[in-house]
Amino acid sequence: MSRKLLLSMLIVWLSVMCVDRSSYAGFHEFVIRNGSTGKSPTIQSNKDYAQGATEFIISGGGMKAGWGSNDLNGYSIGDIGRLSITRYDDTSRFSAGSGPAVAPYFNFWVTDGSGHFAVIANEPSSPAFQPLFTENGDGSKTYDLSFDGMSDQRAKVYETPGWNSNSSWIHDLYGPDPLTFSDLASLRIAPPPPSYIQDSVNGVGSGAPDVIDTDIAYGFTWVFGDTLSNYVSGDEGYIVAGPVAAPVAINIDIEVKNRRIRLKIDDGECKAYGKVWVVIYGTSNFDATTVNKSTAVLGDPALGGAAQPIFGVLWDLDRDGYKDCLLFFSVCQLYKNGAIHGDTIELVLTGLTNEGVEIIGSDEVRVRLYVDNSRGPRGPRVAH
């Protein structure tokens, strides 16, 4: 690609800038079931604690609501890279270890691919699970889970015939209770269609994680409330933000367009004003327009440092019909952050998509290092 074309792209970067969006773009809040008196859970915005937070008020037994996502659909439980949510309301108002103190819990819809479905849930009130609900410096608490971190935790089976008698299709495949997430790692995450939920022969109850009245379900759901009154929140509800349900990192195709990078060091200070241009290619398997630019960092893995891009543009660079994301990094910022040096031969880019999926890609480079250690205007320069 010519330098002239790249410069012309810079003129229009403001109008096609790689976007920064919420990490929970793929989440949807919904009512699962009304309470025993017919009253519905309240779901509302609450900015008292955090920008963009949502409040789920579960004021009576039987009420259930969910925050669901299809971002993990098609992946196995063992492919889970991250499950996260932060809770801002005061959990100390509840007895330690009780349902409302450790809420929310989560549900997966899983399938064997042959027409059978079931719900897999964690047990947050278990003493073994409670240490995974970590305290933050501002008084909030966060679940930030990975498959490795929860693989030895108890996994409970629901919403399928035989779930409570060790005779469900899951127990036939994996053995009797107690089961762990490690035992169920090969199960594929996928929600059933409404028609499956509505057919009584499938044993799906009113508390299953699906939308009331429509029976639309999501592959993964953070759940608020329960069949009994063991998850009642009180007048102030569960105030939560930042839900993430993401698979393990996706390997992406990147290219450093200017592979020969000029790095000039003058009396220990970087004097290079150039840019490193990194292309994240869009393909039939990856949508480069979903890259969250604010999370992208680039660096030499041998050095450990990294720098964020100055800005980015969307452009179909290879003219294959898929938009690519071109990110621009400052050479001097990379140097100052310990992300590049004269011996650098590889740069690695990491980041997240708008849905919180981790991405990683790498490319080979060659750095041309010019060092001037003199204090005079004509001191010797050494090229490496």
Protein backbone atom coordinates (compact mmCIF):
# COMPACT_ATOMS: atom_id res chain seq x y z
CA MET A 1 0.00 0.00 0.00
CA SER A 2 1.32 3.45 -0.93
CA ARG A 3 2.10 6.10 1.66
CA LYS A 4 -0.14 8.46 -0.31
CA LEU A 5 -3.15 6.19 0.17
CA LEU A 6 -2.49 5.89 3.89
CA LEU A 7 -2.24 9.66 4.22
CA SER A 8 -5.55 10.08 2.43
CA MET A 9 -7.10 7.68 4.91
CA LEU A 10 -5.94 9.87 7.79
CA ILE A 11 -7.98 12.75 6.42
CA VAL A 12 -11.20 10.82 6.94
CA TRP A 13 -10.34 8.93 10.14
CA LEU A 14 -12.72 10.97 12.29
CA SER A 15 -15.73 9.73 10.33
CA VAL A 16 -14.79 6.05 10.34
CA MET A 17 -12.92 5.71 13.63
CA CYS A 18 -12.72 2.23 15.16
CA VAL A 19 -15.44 2.36 17.78
CA ASP A 20 -15.32 2.14 21.57
CA ARG A 21 -18.49 0.63 22.96
CA SER A 22 -19.75 -1.02 26.11
CA SER A 23 -18.39 -4.43 27.06
CA TYR A 24 -21.97 -5.59 27.61
CA ALA A 25 -23.31 -4.78 24.15
CA GLY A 26 -24.47 -8.40 23.91
CA PHE A 27 -26.54 -8.46 27.15
CA HIS A 28 -30.30 -8.06 27.52
CA GLU A 29 -32.27 -7.73 30.77
CA PHE A 30 -35.60 -9.56 31.05
CA VAL A 31 -38.22 -10.86 33.47
CA ILE A 32 -38.18 -14.62 33.96
CA ARG A 33 -41.13 -14.97 36.33
CA ASN A 34 -43.44 -12.80 38.41
CA GLY A 35 -43.72 -13.27 42.16
CA SER A 36 -46.24 -15.48 43.94
CA THR A 37 -48.60 -12.49 44.25
CA GLY A 38 -48.32 -11.68 40.55
CA LYS A 39 -46.01 -8.70 41.02
CA SER A 40 -43.22 -8.40 38.48
CA PRO A 41 -39.54 -7.80 39.27
CA THR A 42 -38.44 -4.20 38.71
CA ILE A 43 -35.61 -3.61 36.25
CA GLN A 44 -34.38 -0.04 35.99
CA SER A 45 -31.35 2.15 35.42
CA ASN A 46 -29.48 3.24 38.56
CA LYS A 47 -26.64 5.76 38.25
CA ASP A 48 -26.26 6.39 41.99
CA TYR A 49 -23.30 4.02 42.20
CA ALA A 50 -21.92 3.67 38.69
CA GLN A 51 -22.57 5.02 35.22
CA GLY A 52 -24.60 2.55 33.19
CA ALA A 53 -25.55 0.36 36.17
CA THR A 54 -28.82 -1.59 36.18
CA GLU A 55 -30.94 -2.33 39.24
CA PHE A 56 -32.87 -5.59 39.62
CA ILE A 57 -35.40 -5.33 42.47
CA ILE A 58 -36.58 -8.74 43.69
CA SER A 59 -39.11 -7.80 46.37
CA GLY A 60 -40.81 -11.15 46.90
CA GLY A 61 -40.37 -14.90 46.73
CA GLY A 62 -40.74 -16.48 43.31
CA MET A 63 -39.61 -13.39 41.41
CA LYS A 64 -36.83 -13.96 38.92
CA ALA A 65 -35.11 -11.75 36.38
CA GLY A 66 -32.12 -12.22 34.14
CA TRP A 67 -29.37 -10.46 32.22
CA GLY A 68 -28.78 -12.74 29.25
CA SER A 69 -26.34 -13.01 26.37
CA ASN A 70 -25.78 -15.20 23.33
CA ASP A 71 -22.08 -14.32 23.14
CA LEU A 72 -21.10 -17.86 24.20
CA ASN A 73 -23.50 -19.71 21.92
CA GLY A 74 -21.76 -22.50 20.03
CA TYR A 75 -18.83 -22.67 22.44
CA SER A 76 -18.31 -25.43 24.97
CA ILE A 77 -18.20 -24.80 28.71
CA GLY A 78 -14.47 -25.52 28.54
CA ASP A 79 -14.09 -22.65 26.05
CA ILE A 80 -15.20 -20.02 28.58
CA GLY A 81 -12.61 -17.28 28.81
CA ARG A 82 -14.37 -14.86 31.13
CA LEU A 83 -17.61 -14.46 33.08
CA SER A 84 -17.78 -11.16 34.92
CA ILE A 85 -20.17 -8.79 36.66
CA THR A 86 -19.72 -6.08 39.30
CA ARG A 87 -22.25 -5.45 42.06
CA TYR A 88 -22.48 -2.03 43.75
CA ASP A 89 -25.25 -2.24 46.36
CA ASP A 90 -24.31 -2.94 49.99
CA THR A 91 -24.02 -6.71 50.39
CA SER A 92 -23.27 -6.38 54.13
CA ARG A 93 -26.99 -5.77 54.78
CA PHE A 94 -27.45 -9.53 54.29
CA SER A 95 -26.13 -12.48 56.26
CA ALA A 96 -22.71 -13.54 55.00
CA GLY A 97 -22.95 -16.39 52.52
CA SER A 98 -26.72 -16.06 52.08
CA GLY A 99 -28.35 -15.91 48.65
CA PRO A 100 -28.85 -12.14 48.51
CA ALA A 101 -25.30 -11.56 49.79
CA VAL A 102 -23.68 -13.57 46.99
CA ALA A 103 -26.12 -12.91 44.10
CA PRO A 104 -26.28 -13.12 41.19
CA TYR A 105 -25.76 -16.69 40.14
CA PHE A 106 -25.52 -17.85 36.55
CA ASN A 107 -27.26 -20.29 34.21
CA PHE A 108 -26.15 -21.90 30.95
CA TRP A 109 -28.45 -23.58 28.48
CA VAL A 110 -26.54 -26.59 27.09
CA THR A 111 -27.27 -29.23 24.48
CA ASP A 112 -25.97 -32.56 23.22
CA GLY A 113 -26.72 -31.51 19.65
CA SER A 114 -29.37 -34.22 19.33
CA GLY A 115 -32.39 -32.29 20.54
CA HIS A 116 -31.78 -32.46 24.29
CA PHE A 117 -31.31 -29.32 26.39
CA ALA A 118 -30.71 -28.58 30.08
CA VAL A 119 -29.68 -25.75 32.38
CA ILE A 120 -26.35 -25.80 34.22
CA ALA A 121 -26.04 -23.50 37.26
CA ASN A 122 -23.39 -22.58 39.77
CA GLU A 123 -23.95 -22.52 43.53
CA PRO A 124 -22.72 -19.12 44.80
CA SER A 125 -23.82 -19.77 48.38
CA SER A 126 -21.39 -22.70 48.56
CA PRO A 127 -18.45 -21.87 50.87
CA ALA A 128 -16.11 -23.03 48.11
CA PHE A 129 -17.54 -20.51 45.61
CA GLN A 130 -17.76 -17.47 47.89
CA PRO A 131 -14.04 -16.54 47.69
CA LEU A 132 -14.57 -15.95 43.95
CA PHE A 133 -16.77 -12.92 44.77
CA THR A 134 -13.94 -10.44 45.33
CA GLU A 135 -14.05 -7.02 46.98
CA ASN A 136 -12.99 -3.87 45.13
CA GLY A 137 -11.54 -0.73 46.65
CA ASP A 138 -14.75 1.27 46.17
CA GLY A 139 -16.95 -1.11 48.15
CA SER A 140 -18.27 -2.99 45.13
CA LYS A 141 -17.77 -6.72 44.59
CA THR A 142 -16.97 -8.57 41.38
CA TYR A 143 -17.25 -12.05 39.94
CA ASP A 144 -14.43 -12.31 37.39
CA LEU A 145 -14.35 -15.96 36.46
CA SER A 146 -12.64 -18.17 33.90
CA PHE A 147 -13.14 -21.84 33.17
CA ASP A 148 -9.82 -22.68 34.84
CA GLY A 149 -10.81 -20.71 37.93
CA MET A 150 -14.15 -22.44 38.39
CA SER A 151 -13.49 -25.86 36.85
CA ASP A 152 -13.48 -27.59 40.24
CA GLN A 153 -16.69 -25.89 41.42
CA ARG A 154 -20.02 -27.70 41.77
CA ALA A 155 -22.24 -27.58 38.66
CA LYS A 156 -25.95 -28.30 39.13
CA VAL A 157 -28.33 -29.66 36.49
CA TYR A 158 -31.88 -28.33 36.03
CA GLU A 159 -34.75 -28.01 33.55
CA THR A 160 -34.63 -31.48 32.03
CA PRO A 161 -36.37 -34.76 32.94
CA GLY A 162 -34.44 -36.67 35.61
CA TRP A 163 -32.40 -33.68 36.77
CA ASN A 164 -33.07 -34.44 40.45
CA SER A 165 -32.69 -38.23 40.28
CA ASN A 166 -29.37 -38.65 38.46
CA SER A 167 -31.28 -39.96 35.44
CA SER A 168 -31.15 -37.01 33.03
CA TRP A 169 -29.33 -37.21 29.69
CA ILE A 170 -26.47 -35.27 31.27
CA HIS A 171 -26.11 -37.80 34.09
CA ASP A 172 -26.21 -40.60 31.53
CA LEU A 173 -23.25 -38.99 29.76
CA TYR A 174 -21.18 -37.74 32.69
CA GLY A 175 -22.24 -39.73 35.74
CA PRO A 176 -24.19 -38.98 38.92
CA ASP A 177 -24.07 -35.89 41.10
CA PRO A 178 -22.01 -34.20 42.37
CA LEU A 179 -20.67 -32.89 39.06
CA THR A 180 -18.16 -30.10 38.47
CA PHE A 181 -17.73 -27.70 35.56
CA SER A 182 -14.65 -29.71 34.61
CA ASP A 183 -16.82 -32.81 34.25
CA LEU A 184 -19.13 -30.91 31.87
CA ALA A 185 -16.42 -29.08 29.89
CA SER A 186 -17.43 -30.64 26.56
CA LEU A 187 -21.09 -29.57 26.75
CA ARG A 188 -22.02 -27.05 24.05
CA ILE A 189 -23.74 -23.81 25.09
CA ALA A 190 -26.96 -23.16 23.14
CA PRO A 191 -30.51 -22.11 24.10
CA PRO A 192 -33.54 -24.13 23.00
CA PRO A 193 -36.24 -22.63 20.79
CA PRO A 194 -39.46 -21.44 22.47
CA SER A 195 -41.30 -24.49 21.13
CA TYR A 196 -39.00 -26.77 23.13
CA ILE A 197 -39.57 -24.79 26.32
CA GLN A 198 -43.33 -24.82 25.78
CA ASP A 199 -43.51 -28.61 25.32
CA SER A 200 -44.25 -30.09 28.76
CA VAL A 201 -42.58 -33.38 27.89
CA ASN A 202 -39.20 -31.62 28.11
CA GLY A 203 -39.63 -30.78 31.80
CA VAL A 204 -38.82 -27.07 31.60
CA GLY A 205 -40.27 -25.16 34.57
CA SER A 206 -41.45 -21.59 35.02
CA GLY A 207 -38.15 -20.63 36.66
CA ALA A 208 -36.03 -21.58 33.67
CA PRO A 209 -33.96 -18.68 32.28
CA ASP A 210 -36.20 -17.55 29.44
CA VAL A 211 -38.26 -14.44 28.76
CA ILE A 212 -41.69 -14.46 30.35
CA ASP A 213 -44.55 -14.77 27.80
CA THR A 214 -42.26 -15.28 24.76
CA ASP A 215 -40.05 -18.12 26.11
CA ILE A 216 -37.05 -16.77 24.21
CA ALA A 217 -33.85 -17.94 25.92
CA TYR A 218 -30.21 -16.87 25.93
CA GLY A 219 -27.22 -19.20 26.11
CA PHE A 220 -25.88 -17.52 29.26
CA THR A 221 -27.76 -15.57 31.94
CA TRP A 222 -26.89 -13.80 35.17
CA VAL A 223 -29.93 -14.62 37.36
CA PHE A 224 -31.55 -12.51 40.09
CA GLY A 225 -34.14 -14.20 42.35
CA ASP A 226 -35.27 -17.79 42.84
CA THR A 227 -38.28 -20.04 43.34
CA LEU A 228 -38.23 -19.42 47.10
CA SER A 229 -37.54 -16.18 48.99
CA ASN A 230 -33.84 -16.98 49.41
CA TYR A 231 -32.77 -14.32 46.89
CA VAL A 232 -35.05 -11.41 47.82
CA SER A 233 -33.12 -8.15 47.49
CA GLY A 234 -35.28 -5.77 49.53
CA ASP A 235 -36.26 -2.22 48.55
CA GLU A 236 -32.83 -1.49 47.12
CA GLY A 237 -32.24 -4.08 44.47
CA TYR A 238 -29.17 -5.72 43.07
CA ILE A 239 -27.27 -2.87 41.38
CA VAL A 240 -24.90 -4.32 38.82
CA ALA A 241 -22.84 -3.29 35.80
CA GLY A 242 -20.30 -4.56 33.30
CA PRO A 243 -21.57 -8.07 32.56
CA VAL A 244 -19.26 -10.13 30.37
CA ALA A 245 -19.63 -13.61 28.91
CA ALA A 246 -16.67 -14.23 26.62
CA PRO A 247 -14.90 -17.26 25.17
CA VAL A 248 -11.16 -17.84 25.27
CA ALA A 249 -8.99 -15.52 23.19
CA ILE A 250 -9.51 -15.42 19.43
CA ASN A 251 -6.39 -15.52 17.28
CA ILE A 252 -6.72 -12.72 14.72
CA ASP A 253 -4.87 -11.94 11.51
CA ILE A 254 -2.78 -8.76 11.88
CA GLU A 255 -0.03 -7.12 9.83
CA VAL A 256 2.47 -4.42 10.76
CA LYS A 257 2.48 -2.43 7.53
CA ASN A 258 5.80 -0.67 8.14
CA ARG A 259 7.78 -3.69 9.30
CA ARG A 260 11.06 -1.74 9.22
CA ILE A 261 10.63 0.64 12.14
CA ARG A 262 13.03 3.58 12.61
CA LEU A 263 13.86 4.27 16.26
CA LYS A 264 16.17 7.21 17.02
CA ILE A 265 17.55 7.65 20.55
CA ASP A 266 19.29 10.96 21.30
CA ASP A 267 20.97 11.14 24.73
CA GLY A 268 18.52 8.55 26.06
CA GLU A 269 15.43 10.25 24.66
CA CYS A 270 13.34 9.02 21.76
CA LYS A 271 13.40 11.46 18.86
CA ALA A 272 11.44 9.38 16.35
CA TYR A 273 8.10 10.89 15.46
CA GLY A 274 6.93 8.05 13.24
CA LYS A 275 4.00 5.72 13.65
CA VAL A 276 3.62 1.97 13.65
CA TRP A 277 0.64 0.99 11.49
CA VAL A 278 -1.06 -2.25 12.49
CA VAL A 279 -3.89 -3.75 10.45
CA ILE A 280 -6.45 -6.07 12.03
CA TYR A 281 -7.93 -7.86 9.05
CA GLY A 282 -11.62 -8.54 8.79
CA THR A 283 -12.43 -12.01 7.46
CA SER A 284 -15.38 -14.34 7.07
CA ASN A 285 -14.57 -15.58 10.59
CA PHE A 286 -13.82 -12.26 12.31
CA ASP A 287 -15.54 -8.87 12.16
CA ALA A 288 -12.78 -6.27 12.60
CA THR A 289 -15.37 -3.52 13.11
CA THR A 290 -16.12 -5.01 16.54
CA VAL A 291 -12.63 -4.25 17.91
CA ASN A 292 -12.84 -2.00 20.97
CA LYS A 293 -9.97 0.40 20.25
CA SER A 294 -9.66 1.58 23.84
CA THR A 295 -8.63 -1.95 24.93
CA ALA A 296 -6.01 -2.55 22.21
CA VAL A 297 -2.34 -2.61 23.21
CA LEU A 298 0.82 -3.43 21.24
CA GLY A 299 4.24 -4.51 22.41
CA ASP A 300 7.23 -6.82 22.22
CA PRO A 301 6.38 -9.92 24.32
CA ALA A 302 10.05 -10.29 25.24
CA LEU A 303 10.05 -6.85 26.88
CA GLY A 304 6.66 -6.94 28.62
CA GLY A 305 5.65 -3.32 27.95
CA ALA A 306 2.75 -2.16 25.79
CA ALA A 307 1.21 1.01 24.37
CA GLN A 308 -2.28 1.97 23.23
CA PRO A 309 -3.04 3.29 19.74
CA ILE A 310 -3.25 7.01 19.03
CA PHE A 311 -6.27 6.47 16.80
CA GLY A 312 -7.70 4.03 14.29
CA VAL A 313 -9.66 3.85 11.05
CA LEU A 314 -11.92 1.32 9.37
CA TRP A 315 -11.04 0.53 5.77
CA ASP A 316 -11.19 -2.44 3.42
CA LEU A 317 -7.43 -2.45 2.86
CA ASP A 318 -7.19 -5.74 1.00
CA ARG A 319 -10.44 -5.17 -0.92
CA ASP A 320 -11.93 -8.53 0.04
CA GLY A 321 -15.30 -7.08 1.06
CA TYR A 322 -14.55 -7.10 4.79
CA LYS A 323 -13.64 -3.91 6.64
CA ASP A 324 -10.28 -3.91 8.37
CA CYS A 325 -9.26 -1.93 11.47
CA LEU A 326 -6.03 0.06 11.05
CA LEU A 327 -4.48 1.23 14.33
CA PHE A 328 -1.71 3.82 14.63
CA PHE A 329 0.85 3.60 17.45
CA SER A 330 3.52 6.15 18.36
CA VAL A 331 7.05 4.77 18.00
CA CYS A 332 8.26 6.91 20.91
CA GLN A 333 5.37 5.87 23.13
CA LEU A 334 6.18 2.23 22.43
CA TYR A 335 9.81 2.93 23.38
CA LYS A 336 8.94 4.88 26.54
CA ASN A 337 6.58 2.11 27.67
CA GLY A 338 9.22 -0.57 27.25
CA ALA A 339 7.31 -2.10 24.34
CA ILE A 340 9.97 -1.85 21.62
CA HIS A 341 13.77 -1.68 21.29
CA GLY A 342 16.53 -2.31 18.81
CA ASP A 343 16.36 -6.08 19.32
CA THR A 344 12.60 -6.33 18.81
CA ILE A 345 11.66 -8.93 16.18
CA GLU A 346 7.98 -9.48 17.03
CA LEU A 347 5.05 -7.29 18.07
CA VAL A 348 1.91 -8.73 19.67
CA LEU A 349 -1.45 -6.96 19.69
CA THR A 350 -4.07 -7.84 22.30
CA GLY A 351 -7.46 -6.36 23.14
CA LEU A 352 -11.18 -7.00 23.40
CA THR A 353 -14.13 -6.88 21.07
CA ASN A 354 -17.18 -4.81 22.01
CA GLU A 355 -18.67 -7.98 23.52
CA GLY A 356 -15.64 -8.56 25.76
CA VAL A 357 -14.04 -11.35 23.71
CA GLU A 358 -10.25 -11.34 24.01
CA ILE A 359 -8.27 -11.07 20.75
CA ILE A 360 -4.59 -11.66 20.06
CA GLY A 361 -2.39 -11.44 16.97
CA SER A 362 1.30 -11.03 16.13
CA ASP A 363 3.64 -10.10 13.29
CA GLU A 364 7.39 -10.01 12.66
CA VAL A 365 9.19 -6.65 12.52
CA ARG A 366 12.68 -5.23 12.14
CA VAL A 367 13.75 -2.19 14.14
CA ARG A 368 16.40 0.18 12.80
CA LEU A 369 17.89 1.77 15.92
CA TYR A 370 19.90 5.00 15.69
CA VAL A 371 21.72 6.03 18.88
CA ASP A 372 23.31 9.46 19.40
CA ASN A 373 25.01 9.76 22.79
CA SER A 374 26.79 13.02 22.05
CA ARG A 375 25.69 16.36 23.43
CA GLY A 376 26.92 18.30 20.43
CA PRO A 377 25.02 18.87 17.21
CA ARG A 378 27.40 16.65 15.20
CA GLY A 379 28.02 13.76 17.55
CA PRO A 380 28.57 10.25 16.21
CA ARG A 381 25.54 8.14 15.38
CA VAL A 382 25.57 4.38 15.60
CA ALA A 383 23.05 2.39 13.59
CA HIS A 384 22.12 -1.08 14.85
